[in-house]
Amino acid sequence: MNALLRQAPNILSALRLVAAPIAAYLILRDLDVAALCVFVLAGLSDALDGFLAKRYALTSRFGAWLDPAADKFLMLASFVTLTMEGAVPLWLTVLVIGRDVAIVLGVGAARLLDAPLRLSPLIVGKASTVAQILYIAFVLLQLAADVSVPRLIFAGTAAVTIFTMLSFFAYGYVWLQAVAAGRRAA
């Protein structure tokens, strides 16, 4: 297997990392069709890098870090710029970002407390990410088509809120279990 194929998942993740500020720039410039295209291509690259990594066992420690970082950066850039443009409510962006910050802080706190935290993706966390991706894609699609479908936006906002909160509580529960186990072991 050649070196380029072995690095393909990481290259695709790196391209997604680069796509985040490009999508944000396009959103801020009201180039909504282009922003939607970049967002969709980034999503497709995520699916492709996941397929390649699993199908050909092309996983690496660096890739295990880079892939979710690229995903989070794309979502962060999209939520923030769409909020700046008035297309996404500020409270929803704060909720989505707050959940991710809480998870990072929880991991750091677990390390400080020597808690045996094994943080792997939960189904509800993946569902939350899917809801967020579909929501951003739909908001961008509405902007690109210059239409407004308030009921669908409301439903999408509700779905993102519910899944983000469920995910927050699920990861919080995992964290609490790890802290309790750490105290019992000490």
N, C-alpha and C. Protein backbone atom coordinates (compact mmCIF):
# COMPACT_ATOMS: atom_id res chain seq x y z
N MET A 1 0.85 -1.17 0.00
CA MET A 1 0.00 0.00 0.00
C MET A 1 0.90 1.23 0.00
N ASN A 2 0.61 2.17 -0.88
CA ASN A 2 1.51 3.32 -0.98
C ASN A 2 1.25 4.33 0.15
N ALA A 3 2.21 5.23 0.33
CA ALA A 3 2.18 6.18 1.45
C ALA A 3 1.00 7.13 1.35
N LEU A 4 0.63 7.53 0.13
CA LEU A 4 -0.49 8.46 -0.04
C LEU A 4 -1.80 7.83 0.44
N LEU A 5 -2.02 6.57 0.07
CA LEU A 5 -3.24 5.89 0.51
C LEU A 5 -3.25 5.72 2.03
N ARG A 6 -2.10 5.40 2.62
CA ARG A 6 -2.03 5.24 4.07
C ARG A 6 -2.39 6.53 4.79
N GLN A 7 -2.07 7.66 4.19
CA GLN A 7 -2.34 8.96 4.82
C GLN A 7 -3.65 9.60 4.35
N ALA A 8 -4.38 8.93 3.46
CA ALA A 8 -5.60 9.52 2.89
C ALA A 8 -6.60 9.98 3.95
N PRO A 9 -6.90 9.17 4.98
CA PRO A 9 -7.85 9.67 5.99
C PRO A 9 -7.37 10.95 6.69
N ASN A 10 -6.07 11.01 7.00
CA ASN A 10 -5.54 12.21 7.65
C ASN A 10 -5.54 13.41 6.71
N ILE A 11 -5.28 13.18 5.44
CA ILE A 11 -5.31 14.26 4.45
C ILE A 11 -6.73 14.80 4.33
N LEU A 12 -7.72 13.91 4.28
CA LEU A 12 -9.11 14.34 4.20
C LEU A 12 -9.52 15.11 5.45
N SER A 13 -9.07 14.66 6.61
CA SER A 13 -9.37 15.39 7.85
C SER A 13 -8.72 16.77 7.84
N ALA A 14 -7.48 16.84 7.35
CA ALA A 14 -6.79 18.13 7.28
C ALA A 14 -7.51 19.07 6.31
N LEU A 15 -8.00 18.53 5.21
CA LEU A 15 -8.76 19.36 4.26
C LEU A 15 -10.05 19.88 4.92
N ARG A 16 -10.66 19.06 5.76
CA ARG A 16 -11.86 19.48 6.47
C ARG A 16 -11.52 20.58 7.47
N LEU A 17 -10.36 20.49 8.06
CA LEU A 17 -9.90 21.53 8.97
C LEU A 17 -9.75 22.86 8.21
N VAL A 18 -9.23 22.79 7.00
CA VAL A 18 -9.09 23.98 6.16
C VAL A 18 -10.45 24.47 5.67
N ALA A 19 -11.40 23.56 5.48
CA ALA A 19 -12.73 23.93 4.98
C ALA A 19 -13.49 24.79 5.98
N ALA A 20 -13.21 24.62 7.27
CA ALA A 20 -13.95 25.36 8.30
C ALA A 20 -13.84 26.88 8.13
N PRO A 21 -12.63 27.45 8.07
CA PRO A 21 -12.58 28.91 7.90
C PRO A 21 -13.07 29.35 6.52
N ILE A 22 -12.94 28.50 5.52
CA ILE A 22 -13.46 28.84 4.19
C ILE A 22 -14.97 28.92 4.25
N ALA A 23 -15.61 27.95 4.87
CA ALA A 23 -17.07 27.98 5.00
C ALA A 23 -17.51 29.21 5.79
N ALA A 24 -16.80 29.52 6.86
CA ALA A 24 -17.14 30.69 7.67
C ALA A 24 -17.02 31.97 6.84
N TYR A 25 -15.95 32.09 6.09
CA TYR A 25 -15.75 33.26 5.23
C TYR A 25 -16.89 33.38 4.22
N LEU A 26 -17.25 32.28 3.60
CA LEU A 26 -18.32 32.30 2.60
C LEU A 26 -19.66 32.67 3.22
N ILE A 27 -19.93 32.18 4.41
CA ILE A 27 -21.17 32.54 5.11
C ILE A 27 -21.19 34.03 5.40
N LEU A 28 -20.09 34.57 5.90
CA LEU A 28 -20.02 35.99 6.23
C LEU A 28 -20.11 36.88 4.99
N ARG A 29 -19.71 36.37 3.85
CA ARG A 29 -19.78 37.13 2.59
C ARG A 29 -21.11 36.92 1.86
N ASP A 30 -22.03 36.19 2.51
CA ASP A 30 -23.34 35.87 1.92
C ASP A 30 -23.21 35.08 0.62
N LEU A 31 -22.19 34.27 0.54
CA LEU A 31 -22.01 33.37 -0.60
C LEU A 31 -22.55 32.00 -0.17
N ASP A 32 -23.87 31.98 0.00
CA ASP A 32 -24.52 30.85 0.65
C ASP A 32 -24.44 29.55 -0.15
N VAL A 33 -24.55 29.63 -1.46
CA VAL A 33 -24.46 28.41 -2.28
C VAL A 33 -23.05 27.82 -2.14
N ALA A 34 -22.05 28.67 -2.21
CA ALA A 34 -20.67 28.20 -2.08
C ALA A 34 -20.44 27.64 -0.67
N ALA A 35 -20.98 28.30 0.36
CA ALA A 35 -20.82 27.82 1.73
C ALA A 35 -21.47 26.45 1.90
N LEU A 36 -22.66 26.30 1.32
CA LEU A 36 -23.34 25.00 1.37
C LEU A 36 -22.50 23.93 0.68
N CYS A 37 -21.94 24.25 -0.47
CA CYS A 37 -21.11 23.28 -1.20
C CYS A 37 -19.89 22.87 -0.39
N VAL A 38 -19.22 23.84 0.22
CA VAL A 38 -18.05 23.54 1.05
C VAL A 38 -18.46 22.66 2.23
N PHE A 39 -19.58 23.00 2.86
CA PHE A 39 -20.05 22.22 4.01
C PHE A 39 -20.39 20.79 3.60
N VAL A 40 -21.08 20.63 2.49
CA VAL A 40 -21.44 19.29 2.01
C VAL A 40 -20.19 18.50 1.64
N LEU A 41 -19.26 19.14 0.94
CA LEU A 41 -18.02 18.45 0.57
C LEU A 41 -17.22 18.04 1.83
N ALA A 42 -17.23 18.90 2.83
CA ALA A 42 -16.55 18.56 4.08
C ALA A 42 -17.22 17.35 4.72
N GLY A 43 -18.54 17.33 4.70
CA GLY A 43 -19.27 16.18 5.25
C GLY A 43 -18.97 14.90 4.50
N LEU A 44 -18.91 15.00 3.17
CA LEU A 44 -18.58 13.83 2.37
C LEU A 44 -17.15 13.36 2.64
N SER A 45 -16.25 14.31 2.85
CA SER A 45 -14.86 13.93 3.16
C SER A 45 -14.79 13.20 4.50
N ASP A 46 -15.65 13.60 5.44
CA ASP A 46 -15.69 12.92 6.73
C ASP A 46 -16.14 11.47 6.56
N ALA A 47 -17.16 11.28 5.75
CA ALA A 47 -17.65 9.91 5.49
C ALA A 47 -16.58 9.08 4.78
N LEU A 48 -15.91 9.69 3.80
CA LEU A 48 -14.88 8.97 3.05
C LEU A 48 -13.69 8.63 3.93
N ASP A 49 -13.24 9.58 4.76
CA ASP A 49 -12.07 9.26 5.59
C ASP A 49 -12.42 8.18 6.61
N GLY A 50 -13.64 8.19 7.12
CA GLY A 50 -14.06 7.13 8.04
C GLY A 50 -14.11 5.77 7.35
N PHE A 51 -14.62 5.76 6.13
CA PHE A 51 -14.68 4.51 5.36
C PHE A 51 -13.28 3.97 5.10
N LEU A 52 -12.39 4.84 4.61
CA LEU A 52 -11.03 4.41 4.30
C LEU A 52 -10.30 3.90 5.55
N ALA A 53 -10.46 4.63 6.65
CA ALA A 53 -9.77 4.25 7.88
C ALA A 53 -10.23 2.88 8.36
N LYS A 54 -11.54 2.62 8.28
CA LYS A 54 -12.06 1.33 8.76
C LYS A 54 -11.81 0.22 7.75
N ARG A 55 -12.10 0.47 6.50
CA ARG A 55 -12.02 -0.57 5.46
C ARG A 55 -10.60 -1.07 5.26
N TYR A 56 -9.64 -0.15 5.30
CA TYR A 56 -8.26 -0.53 5.03
C TYR A 56 -7.37 -0.47 6.28
N ALA A 57 -7.99 -0.38 7.44
CA ALA A 57 -7.26 -0.32 8.72
C ALA A 57 -6.18 0.76 8.69
N LEU A 58 -6.59 1.95 8.29
CA LEU A 58 -5.65 3.07 8.18
C LEU A 58 -5.80 4.03 9.36
N THR A 59 -5.98 3.49 10.52
CA THR A 59 -6.14 4.33 11.70
C THR A 59 -4.78 4.67 12.28
N SER A 60 -4.75 5.81 12.94
CA SER A 60 -3.52 6.24 13.62
C SER A 60 -3.92 7.06 14.84
N ARG A 61 -3.00 7.20 15.77
CA ARG A 61 -3.28 8.03 16.96
C ARG A 61 -3.52 9.47 16.53
N PHE A 62 -2.72 9.94 15.58
CA PHE A 62 -2.89 11.31 15.09
C PHE A 62 -4.25 11.48 14.42
N GLY A 63 -4.63 10.52 13.61
CA GLY A 63 -5.92 10.57 12.94
C GLY A 63 -7.08 10.51 13.92
N ALA A 64 -6.91 9.74 15.00
CA ALA A 64 -7.96 9.64 16.02
C ALA A 64 -8.17 10.98 16.72
N TRP A 65 -7.17 11.82 16.72
CA TRP A 65 -7.29 13.17 17.27
C TRP A 65 -7.74 14.17 16.20
N LEU A 66 -7.14 14.07 15.01
CA LEU A 66 -7.40 15.05 13.95
C LEU A 66 -8.84 15.00 13.44
N ASP A 67 -9.38 13.82 13.24
CA ASP A 67 -10.73 13.69 12.67
C ASP A 67 -11.78 14.41 13.52
N PRO A 68 -11.91 14.11 14.81
CA PRO A 68 -12.93 14.83 15.59
C PRO A 68 -12.61 16.32 15.75
N ALA A 69 -11.32 16.67 15.78
CA ALA A 69 -10.95 18.09 15.88
C ALA A 69 -11.42 18.85 14.64
N ALA A 70 -11.23 18.25 13.47
CA ALA A 70 -11.68 18.88 12.23
C ALA A 70 -13.20 19.01 12.21
N ASP A 71 -13.89 17.97 12.66
CA ASP A 71 -15.35 18.01 12.71
C ASP A 71 -15.83 19.13 13.64
N LYS A 72 -15.23 19.20 14.83
CA LYS A 72 -15.64 20.21 15.81
C LYS A 72 -15.34 21.62 15.31
N PHE A 73 -14.20 21.79 14.65
CA PHE A 73 -13.84 23.11 14.13
C PHE A 73 -14.81 23.55 13.04
N LEU A 74 -15.21 22.62 12.18
CA LEU A 74 -16.18 22.93 11.13
C LEU A 74 -17.52 23.32 11.75
N MET A 75 -17.96 22.57 12.74
CA MET A 75 -19.24 22.88 13.39
C MET A 75 -19.15 24.20 14.15
N LEU A 76 -18.06 24.43 14.86
CA LEU A 76 -17.87 25.68 15.59
C LEU A 76 -17.92 26.87 14.65
N ALA A 77 -17.16 26.79 13.58
CA ALA A 77 -17.12 27.89 12.61
C ALA A 77 -18.50 28.12 12.00
N SER A 78 -19.20 27.05 11.68
CA SER A 78 -20.52 27.18 11.06
C SER A 78 -21.53 27.77 12.04
N PHE A 79 -21.58 27.24 13.25
CA PHE A 79 -22.54 27.76 14.23
C PHE A 79 -22.26 29.23 14.54
N VAL A 80 -21.00 29.58 14.78
CA VAL A 80 -20.68 30.95 15.14
C VAL A 80 -21.01 31.92 14.01
N THR A 81 -20.60 31.60 12.80
CA THR A 81 -20.86 32.54 11.70
C THR A 81 -22.34 32.61 11.35
N LEU A 82 -23.05 31.49 11.42
CA LEU A 82 -24.49 31.55 11.16
C LEU A 82 -25.22 32.32 12.26
N THR A 83 -24.70 32.28 13.47
CA THR A 83 -25.27 33.10 14.54
C THR A 83 -24.98 34.57 14.28
N MET A 84 -23.78 34.87 13.85
CA MET A 84 -23.43 36.26 13.52
C MET A 84 -24.33 36.80 12.40
N GLU A 85 -24.74 35.94 11.51
CA GLU A 85 -25.61 36.34 10.39
C GLU A 85 -27.09 36.33 10.77
N GLY A 86 -27.40 35.90 11.99
CA GLY A 86 -28.78 35.89 12.45
C GLY A 86 -29.59 34.68 12.00
N ALA A 87 -28.92 33.67 11.46
CA ALA A 87 -29.62 32.48 10.95
C ALA A 87 -29.77 31.39 12.01
N VAL A 88 -28.98 31.45 13.06
CA VAL A 88 -29.02 30.48 14.15
C VAL A 88 -29.08 31.29 15.45
N PRO A 89 -29.97 30.90 16.37
CA PRO A 89 -30.05 31.66 17.62
C PRO A 89 -28.78 31.52 18.47
N LEU A 90 -28.43 32.62 19.11
CA LEU A 90 -27.22 32.65 19.94
C LEU A 90 -27.28 31.59 21.03
N TRP A 91 -28.42 31.42 21.68
CA TRP A 91 -28.52 30.46 22.78
C TRP A 91 -28.21 29.04 22.31
N LEU A 92 -28.58 28.71 21.06
CA LEU A 92 -28.31 27.37 20.55
C LEU A 92 -26.81 27.18 20.31
N THR A 93 -26.18 28.19 19.77
CA THR A 93 -24.73 28.13 19.56
C THR A 93 -24.00 28.00 20.89
N VAL A 94 -24.43 28.76 21.89
CA VAL A 94 -23.83 28.67 23.22
C VAL A 94 -24.02 27.27 23.80
N LEU A 95 -25.21 26.69 23.61
CA LEU A 95 -25.49 25.34 24.11
C LEU A 95 -24.57 24.31 23.45
N VAL A 96 -24.45 24.37 22.13
CA VAL A 96 -23.63 23.40 21.39
C VAL A 96 -22.15 23.53 21.79
N ILE A 97 -21.66 24.76 21.82
CA ILE A 97 -20.26 24.97 22.18
C ILE A 97 -20.04 24.66 23.66
N GLY A 98 -20.99 25.03 24.50
CA GLY A 98 -20.87 24.77 25.93
C GLY A 98 -20.76 23.29 26.24
N ARG A 99 -21.51 22.47 25.52
CA ARG A 99 -21.44 21.02 25.71
C ARG A 99 -20.04 20.52 25.41
N ASP A 100 -19.47 20.98 24.30
CA ASP A 100 -18.13 20.53 23.92
C ASP A 100 -17.08 21.01 24.91
N VAL A 101 -17.22 22.24 25.37
CA VAL A 101 -16.29 22.78 26.37
C VAL A 101 -16.40 21.98 27.67
N ALA A 102 -17.64 21.66 28.06
CA ALA A 102 -17.84 20.88 29.29
C ALA A 102 -17.19 19.51 29.19
N ILE A 103 -17.26 18.89 28.03
CA ILE A 103 -16.64 17.57 27.84
C ILE A 103 -15.11 17.69 27.98
N VAL A 104 -14.53 18.70 27.34
CA VAL A 104 -13.08 18.89 27.42
C VAL A 104 -12.66 19.17 28.86
N LEU A 105 -13.40 20.06 29.54
CA LEU A 105 -13.08 20.35 30.94
C LEU A 105 -13.26 19.12 31.82
N GLY A 106 -14.27 18.32 31.53
CA GLY A 106 -14.49 17.08 32.28
C GLY A 106 -13.34 16.11 32.14
N VAL A 107 -12.81 15.99 30.92
CA VAL A 107 -11.66 15.11 30.69
C VAL A 107 -10.45 15.63 31.49
N GLY A 108 -10.23 16.94 31.45
CA GLY A 108 -9.12 17.52 32.21
C GLY A 108 -9.29 17.32 33.70
N ALA A 109 -10.51 17.53 34.20
CA ALA A 109 -10.77 17.35 35.63
C ALA A 109 -10.58 15.89 36.03
N ALA A 110 -11.01 14.97 35.18
CA ALA A 110 -10.83 13.54 35.48
C ALA A 110 -9.36 13.20 35.59
N ARG A 111 -8.55 13.77 34.73
CA ARG A 111 -7.10 13.51 34.81
C ARG A 111 -6.51 14.06 36.10
N LEU A 112 -6.95 15.27 36.47
CA LEU A 112 -6.47 15.87 37.72
C LEU A 112 -6.88 15.04 38.94
N LEU A 113 -8.04 14.44 38.86
CA LEU A 113 -8.56 13.64 39.97
C LEU A 113 -8.13 12.17 39.89
N ASP A 114 -7.32 11.84 38.90
CA ASP A 114 -6.90 10.45 38.66
C ASP A 114 -8.10 9.51 38.53
N ALA A 115 -9.16 10.01 37.91
CA ALA A 115 -10.34 9.19 37.69
C ALA A 115 -10.13 8.35 36.43
N PRO A 116 -10.52 7.09 36.48
CA PRO A 116 -10.31 6.20 35.33
C PRO A 116 -11.35 6.45 34.22
N LEU A 117 -11.26 7.60 33.59
CA LEU A 117 -12.23 7.99 32.56
C LEU A 117 -11.79 7.44 31.21
N ARG A 118 -12.61 6.60 30.64
CA ARG A 118 -12.40 6.10 29.27
C ARG A 118 -13.51 6.70 28.43
N LEU A 119 -13.20 7.78 27.76
CA LEU A 119 -14.22 8.51 27.02
C LEU A 119 -14.22 8.04 25.58
N SER A 120 -15.23 7.27 25.25
CA SER A 120 -15.41 6.85 23.86
C SER A 120 -16.75 7.41 23.39
N PRO A 121 -16.89 7.56 22.08
CA PRO A 121 -18.13 8.14 21.57
C PRO A 121 -19.36 7.33 22.01
N LEU A 122 -20.36 8.03 22.49
CA LEU A 122 -21.62 7.42 22.86
C LEU A 122 -22.61 7.57 21.70
N ILE A 123 -23.55 6.68 21.61
CA ILE A 123 -24.55 6.75 20.53
C ILE A 123 -25.29 8.08 20.57
N VAL A 124 -25.63 8.54 21.77
CA VAL A 124 -26.36 9.81 21.87
C VAL A 124 -25.46 10.97 21.45
N GLY A 125 -24.15 10.86 21.67
CA GLY A 125 -23.22 11.88 21.21
C GLY A 125 -23.14 11.92 19.69
N LYS A 126 -23.12 10.74 19.09
CA LYS A 126 -23.12 10.66 17.62
C LYS A 126 -24.43 11.20 17.06
N ALA A 127 -25.54 10.87 17.72
CA ALA A 127 -26.85 11.38 17.28
C ALA A 127 -26.88 12.91 17.38
N SER A 128 -26.28 13.44 18.43
CA SER A 128 -26.20 14.89 18.59
C SER A 128 -25.41 15.52 17.45
N THR A 129 -24.30 14.91 17.10
CA THR A 129 -23.49 15.43 16.00
C THR A 129 -24.25 15.36 14.68
N VAL A 130 -24.93 14.26 14.43
CA VAL A 130 -25.73 14.13 13.20
C VAL A 130 -26.81 15.21 13.16
N ALA A 131 -27.49 15.42 14.28
CA ALA A 131 -28.54 16.45 14.33
C ALA A 131 -27.95 17.82 14.04
N GLN A 132 -26.78 18.10 14.59
CA GLN A 132 -26.14 19.40 14.37
C GLN A 132 -25.73 19.57 12.90
N ILE A 133 -25.18 18.53 12.30
CA ILE A 133 -24.76 18.59 10.90
C ILE A 133 -25.97 18.81 10.00
N LEU A 134 -27.03 18.04 10.22
CA LEU A 134 -28.24 18.19 9.40
C LEU A 134 -28.85 19.57 9.58
N TYR A 135 -28.82 20.07 10.80
CA TYR A 135 -29.36 21.41 11.07
C TYR A 135 -28.58 22.48 10.31
N ILE A 136 -27.26 22.45 10.42
CA ILE A 136 -26.43 23.44 9.71
C ILE A 136 -26.64 23.31 8.21
N ALA A 137 -26.67 22.09 7.70
CA ALA A 137 -26.89 21.89 6.26
C ALA A 137 -28.25 22.46 5.84
N PHE A 138 -29.28 22.24 6.65
CA PHE A 138 -30.60 22.75 6.31
C PHE A 138 -30.64 24.28 6.37
N VAL A 139 -30.01 24.87 7.38
CA VAL A 139 -29.95 26.33 7.46
C VAL A 139 -29.23 26.89 6.23
N LEU A 140 -28.10 26.28 5.87
CA LEU A 140 -27.37 26.73 4.68
C LEU A 140 -28.20 26.53 3.41
N LEU A 141 -28.92 25.44 3.32
CA LEU A 141 -29.78 25.18 2.16
C LEU A 141 -30.86 26.25 2.05
N GLN A 142 -31.48 26.60 3.17
CA GLN A 142 -32.48 27.68 3.16
C GLN A 142 -31.88 28.99 2.69
N LEU A 143 -30.70 29.31 3.21
CA LEU A 143 -30.04 30.56 2.81
C LEU A 143 -29.68 30.52 1.32
N ALA A 144 -29.17 29.38 0.86
CA ALA A 144 -28.78 29.26 -0.55
C ALA A 144 -29.99 29.36 -1.47
N ALA A 145 -31.11 28.79 -1.07
CA ALA A 145 -32.33 28.81 -1.90
C ALA A 145 -33.15 30.08 -1.67
N ASP A 146 -32.73 30.90 -0.71
CA ASP A 146 -33.42 32.14 -0.36
C ASP A 146 -34.90 31.88 -0.03
N VAL A 147 -35.12 30.86 0.80
CA VAL A 147 -36.46 30.52 1.27
C VAL A 147 -36.42 30.42 2.79
N SER A 148 -37.61 30.41 3.38
CA SER A 148 -37.71 30.27 4.82
C SER A 148 -38.78 29.24 5.13
N VAL A 149 -38.39 28.25 5.93
CA VAL A 149 -39.32 27.20 6.35
C VAL A 149 -39.27 27.17 7.88
N PRO A 150 -39.98 28.11 8.52
CA PRO A 150 -39.87 28.27 9.97
C PRO A 150 -40.21 27.01 10.77
N ARG A 151 -41.17 26.24 10.34
CA ARG A 151 -41.53 25.04 11.10
C ARG A 151 -40.40 24.01 11.08
N LEU A 152 -39.75 23.88 9.95
CA LEU A 152 -38.62 22.94 9.88
C LEU A 152 -37.44 23.45 10.69
N ILE A 153 -37.20 24.75 10.65
CA ILE A 153 -36.12 25.33 11.46
C ILE A 153 -36.43 25.12 12.94
N PHE A 154 -37.68 25.33 13.33
CA PHE A 154 -38.07 25.10 14.72
C PHE A 154 -37.84 23.65 15.11
N ALA A 155 -38.26 22.73 14.25
CA ALA A 155 -38.08 21.29 14.52
C ALA A 155 -36.59 20.95 14.61
N GLY A 156 -35.79 21.51 13.72
CA GLY A 156 -34.34 21.27 13.75
C GLY A 156 -33.71 21.83 15.00
N THR A 157 -34.13 23.03 15.38
CA THR A 157 -33.61 23.65 16.60
C THR A 157 -33.97 22.80 17.81
N ALA A 158 -35.21 22.32 17.85
CA ALA A 158 -35.64 21.47 18.96
C ALA A 158 -34.83 20.17 19.00
N ALA A 159 -34.61 19.56 17.84
CA ALA A 159 -33.85 18.30 17.78
C ALA A 159 -32.42 18.51 18.25
N VAL A 160 -31.78 19.57 17.77
CA VAL A 160 -30.40 19.85 18.19
C VAL A 160 -30.35 20.09 19.69
N THR A 161 -31.31 20.85 20.20
CA THR A 161 -31.35 21.14 21.64
C THR A 161 -31.51 19.85 22.45
N ILE A 162 -32.45 19.03 22.07
CA ILE A 162 -32.71 17.79 22.82
C ILE A 162 -31.51 16.86 22.78
N PHE A 163 -30.96 16.62 21.58
CA PHE A 163 -29.83 15.69 21.48
C PHE A 163 -28.58 16.24 22.16
N THR A 164 -28.38 17.56 22.08
CA THR A 164 -27.21 18.16 22.74
C THR A 164 -27.33 18.01 24.25
N MET A 165 -28.52 18.26 24.79
CA MET A 165 -28.72 18.12 26.23
C MET A 165 -28.60 16.66 26.67
N LEU A 166 -29.22 15.75 25.93
CA LEU A 166 -29.11 14.32 26.27
C LEU A 166 -27.65 13.88 26.25
N SER A 167 -26.92 14.33 25.25
CA SER A 167 -25.51 13.99 25.14
C SER A 167 -24.72 14.56 26.31
N PHE A 168 -24.99 15.81 26.66
CA PHE A 168 -24.33 16.45 27.80
C PHE A 168 -24.54 15.63 29.07
N PHE A 169 -25.79 15.24 29.32
CA PHE A 169 -26.09 14.47 30.53
C PHE A 169 -25.48 13.06 30.47
N ALA A 170 -25.46 12.45 29.30
CA ALA A 170 -24.88 11.10 29.18
C ALA A 170 -23.37 11.14 29.45
N TYR A 171 -22.67 12.12 28.87
CA TYR A 171 -21.24 12.22 29.14
C TYR A 171 -20.99 12.62 30.59
N GLY A 172 -21.85 13.45 31.14
CA GLY A 172 -21.74 13.81 32.56
C GLY A 172 -21.88 12.60 33.46
N TYR A 173 -22.79 11.71 33.11
CA TYR A 173 -22.99 10.48 33.88
C TYR A 173 -21.74 9.59 33.82
N VAL A 174 -21.16 9.47 32.62
CA VAL A 174 -19.92 8.69 32.46
C VAL A 174 -18.82 9.30 33.31
N TRP A 175 -18.74 10.62 33.32
CA TRP A 175 -17.73 11.32 34.11
C TRP A 175 -17.93 11.06 35.60
N LEU A 176 -19.17 11.18 36.06
CA LEU A 176 -19.46 10.93 37.48
C LEU A 176 -19.12 9.51 37.90
N GLN A 177 -19.41 8.54 37.03
CA GLN A 177 -19.05 7.15 37.32
C GLN A 177 -17.54 6.99 37.45
N ALA A 178 -16.79 7.64 36.56
CA ALA A 178 -15.33 7.54 36.60
C ALA A 178 -14.78 8.16 37.88
N VAL A 179 -15.32 9.32 38.26
CA VAL A 179 -14.85 9.99 39.48
C VAL A 179 -15.17 9.12 40.70
N ALA A 180 -16.37 8.54 40.72
CA ALA A 180 -16.74 7.66 41.84
C ALA A 180 -15.83 6.44 41.89
N ALA A 181 -15.53 5.85 40.75
CA ALA A 181 -14.63 4.69 40.70
C ALA A 181 -13.23 5.08 41.17
N GLY A 182 -12.79 6.25 40.81
CA GLY A 182 -11.47 6.72 41.23
C GLY A 182 -11.39 6.90 42.73
N ARG A 183 -12.46 7.40 43.31
CA ARG A 183 -12.49 7.58 44.77
C ARG A 183 -12.53 6.25 45.50
N ARG A 184 -13.29 5.29 44.93
CA ARG A 184 -13.34 3.97 45.57
C ARG A 184 -11.97 3.29 45.52
N ALA A 185 -11.24 3.51 44.43
CA ALA A 185 -9.94 2.87 44.25
C ALA A 185 -8.87 3.53 45.13
N ALA A 186 -9.09 4.78 45.48
CA ALA A 186 -8.06 5.51 46.25
C ALA A 186 -8.02 5.14 47.70
